[in-house]
Amino acid sequence: MPDTSQVDEIRQWSRMQDAHVRAAVDLLAEHGSWLRRADFITAATEKHGSVQYISWRKAREFLGSDPLGSTSELAILDLAVALGENRYRFSIMGPGHAGMILDAMRTALGITDGD
């Protein structure tokens, strides 16, 4: 199991990245599983000097290797990798499009205004 310092290093690295990478790492950190799994850390991260970081290409390859995990764990990893890769180009969305995306995500998650 990776130690807490590796997770801290990855989170530190993400603070110097674009918002979509920070969002991906935050999702993985808050979920609490993937950044603490040795198989994920070994397969999907790299270290340059003292900086440990996620290679989104390697993370996608890891996900494609059918790792063990519940359906929701795998879905979280898939979403985090998509965010990290900037697959949906969220980084170029203006406020109008961002609002539409937020509304769509809330609807997809079943979140209503009263929630």
Protein backbone atom coordinates (compact mmCIF):
# COMPACT_ATOMS: atom_id res chain seq x y z
CA MET A 1 0.00 0.00 0.00
CA PRO A 2 1.40 3.42 -0.93
CA ASP A 3 2.20 5.60 2.01
CA THR A 4 0.50 8.88 2.73
CA SER A 5 3.52 10.81 1.49
CA GLN A 6 2.98 9.48 -2.07
CA VAL A 7 -0.62 10.67 -2.02
CA ASP A 8 0.57 14.03 -0.66
CA GLU A 9 3.18 14.26 -3.44
CA ILE A 10 0.56 13.61 -6.11
CA ARG A 11 -1.77 16.18 -4.60
CA GLN A 12 1.10 18.68 -4.38
CA TRP A 13 1.92 18.08 -8.06
CA SER A 14 -1.72 18.59 -9.02
CA ARG A 15 -1.75 22.05 -7.41
CA MET A 16 0.66 23.19 -10.13
CA GLN A 17 -1.51 21.81 -12.94
CA ASP A 18 -4.57 23.02 -14.84
CA ALA A 19 -8.00 22.86 -13.21
CA HIS A 20 -9.01 19.65 -14.98
CA VAL A 21 -5.97 17.82 -13.55
CA ARG A 22 -6.62 19.22 -10.06
CA ALA A 23 -10.24 18.07 -10.34
CA ALA A 24 -9.16 14.57 -11.39
CA VAL A 25 -6.66 14.20 -8.55
CA ASP A 26 -9.09 15.66 -6.02
CA LEU A 27 -11.73 13.16 -7.14
CA LEU A 28 -9.31 10.26 -6.71
CA ALA A 29 -8.10 11.57 -3.35
CA GLU A 30 -11.60 12.15 -2.01
CA HIS A 31 -12.70 8.73 -3.20
CA GLY A 32 -9.87 7.30 -1.16
CA SER A 33 -9.24 4.06 -3.02
CA TRP A 34 -7.13 4.43 -6.15
CA LEU A 35 -4.37 6.67 -4.81
CA ARG A 36 -3.86 4.18 -2.01
CA ARG A 37 -3.70 1.10 -4.22
CA ALA A 38 -0.20 -0.13 -4.98
CA ASP A 39 -1.28 -1.59 -8.34
CA PHE A 40 -2.60 1.78 -9.50
CA ILE A 41 0.38 3.73 -8.16
CA THR A 42 2.83 1.32 -9.80
CA ALA A 43 1.01 1.25 -13.15
CA ALA A 44 -0.18 4.83 -13.49
CA THR A 45 2.29 7.14 -11.79
CA GLU A 46 5.76 8.32 -12.57
CA LYS A 47 8.37 10.06 -10.51
CA HIS A 48 10.60 12.84 -11.76
CA GLY A 49 13.08 13.81 -9.11
CA SER A 50 11.04 14.26 -5.96
CA VAL A 51 7.76 14.81 -7.82
CA GLN A 52 5.32 11.91 -8.10
CA TYR A 53 2.59 12.42 -10.67
CA ILE A 54 -0.11 10.59 -12.59
CA SER A 55 0.47 9.73 -16.22
CA TRP A 56 -3.05 9.90 -17.62
CA ARG A 57 -2.05 7.71 -20.56
CA LYS A 58 -0.82 5.04 -18.16
CA ALA A 59 -3.89 5.48 -15.98
CA ARG A 60 -6.09 4.86 -19.05
CA GLU A 61 -4.04 1.75 -19.88
CA PHE A 62 -4.44 0.56 -16.29
CA LEU A 63 -8.19 1.04 -16.48
CA GLY A 64 -8.22 -0.88 -19.77
CA SER A 65 -6.47 -3.82 -18.10
CA ASP A 66 -9.68 -4.59 -16.14
CA PRO A 67 -8.39 -3.95 -12.62
CA LEU A 68 -10.33 -5.32 -9.70
CA GLY A 69 -12.87 -2.92 -8.31
CA SER A 70 -16.56 -2.39 -7.80
CA THR A 71 -18.62 -0.87 -10.59
CA SER A 72 -18.68 2.48 -8.80
CA GLU A 73 -14.93 2.40 -8.07
CA LEU A 74 -14.19 1.75 -11.74
CA ALA A 75 -16.62 4.50 -12.78
CA ILE A 76 -14.86 6.98 -10.48
CA LEU A 77 -11.50 6.02 -11.95
CA ASP A 78 -12.86 6.33 -15.50
CA LEU A 79 -14.25 9.80 -14.78
CA ALA A 80 -11.05 10.92 -13.07
CA VAL A 81 -8.94 9.73 -16.00
CA ALA A 82 -11.27 11.47 -18.46
CA LEU A 83 -10.93 14.68 -16.45
CA GLY A 84 -7.16 14.32 -16.24
CA GLU A 85 -6.92 13.72 -19.99
CA ASN A 86 -9.22 16.71 -20.57
CA ARG A 87 -11.25 14.38 -22.78
CA TYR A 88 -14.33 16.61 -22.64
CA ARG A 89 -12.34 19.82 -23.15
CA PHE A 90 -13.76 21.39 -19.99
CA SER A 91 -10.69 23.62 -19.89
CA ILE A 92 -11.90 25.61 -22.91
CA MET A 93 -15.53 26.07 -21.87
CA GLY A 94 -16.76 29.55 -21.24
CA PRO A 95 -19.23 30.38 -18.46
CA GLY A 96 -22.32 29.70 -20.61
CA HIS A 97 -21.22 26.25 -21.67
CA ALA A 98 -19.88 25.50 -18.19
CA GLY A 99 -23.30 26.27 -16.73
CA MET A 100 -25.00 23.94 -19.21
CA ILE A 101 -22.53 21.18 -18.36
CA LEU A 102 -23.11 21.66 -14.63
CA ASP A 103 -26.87 21.49 -15.16
CA ALA A 104 -26.51 18.32 -17.24
CA MET A 105 -24.31 16.70 -14.59
CA ARG A 106 -26.74 17.59 -11.82
CA THR A 107 -29.57 16.08 -13.84
CA ALA A 108 -27.56 12.93 -14.63
CA LEU A 109 -26.79 12.51 -10.93
CA GLY A 110 -30.42 13.08 -9.94
CA ILE A 111 -29.65 16.25 -8.03
CA THR A 112 -32.48 18.74 -7.98
CA ASP A 113 -32.43 22.36 -6.84
CA GLY A 114 -33.81 21.32 -3.43
CA ASP A 115 -30.94 18.88 -2.77
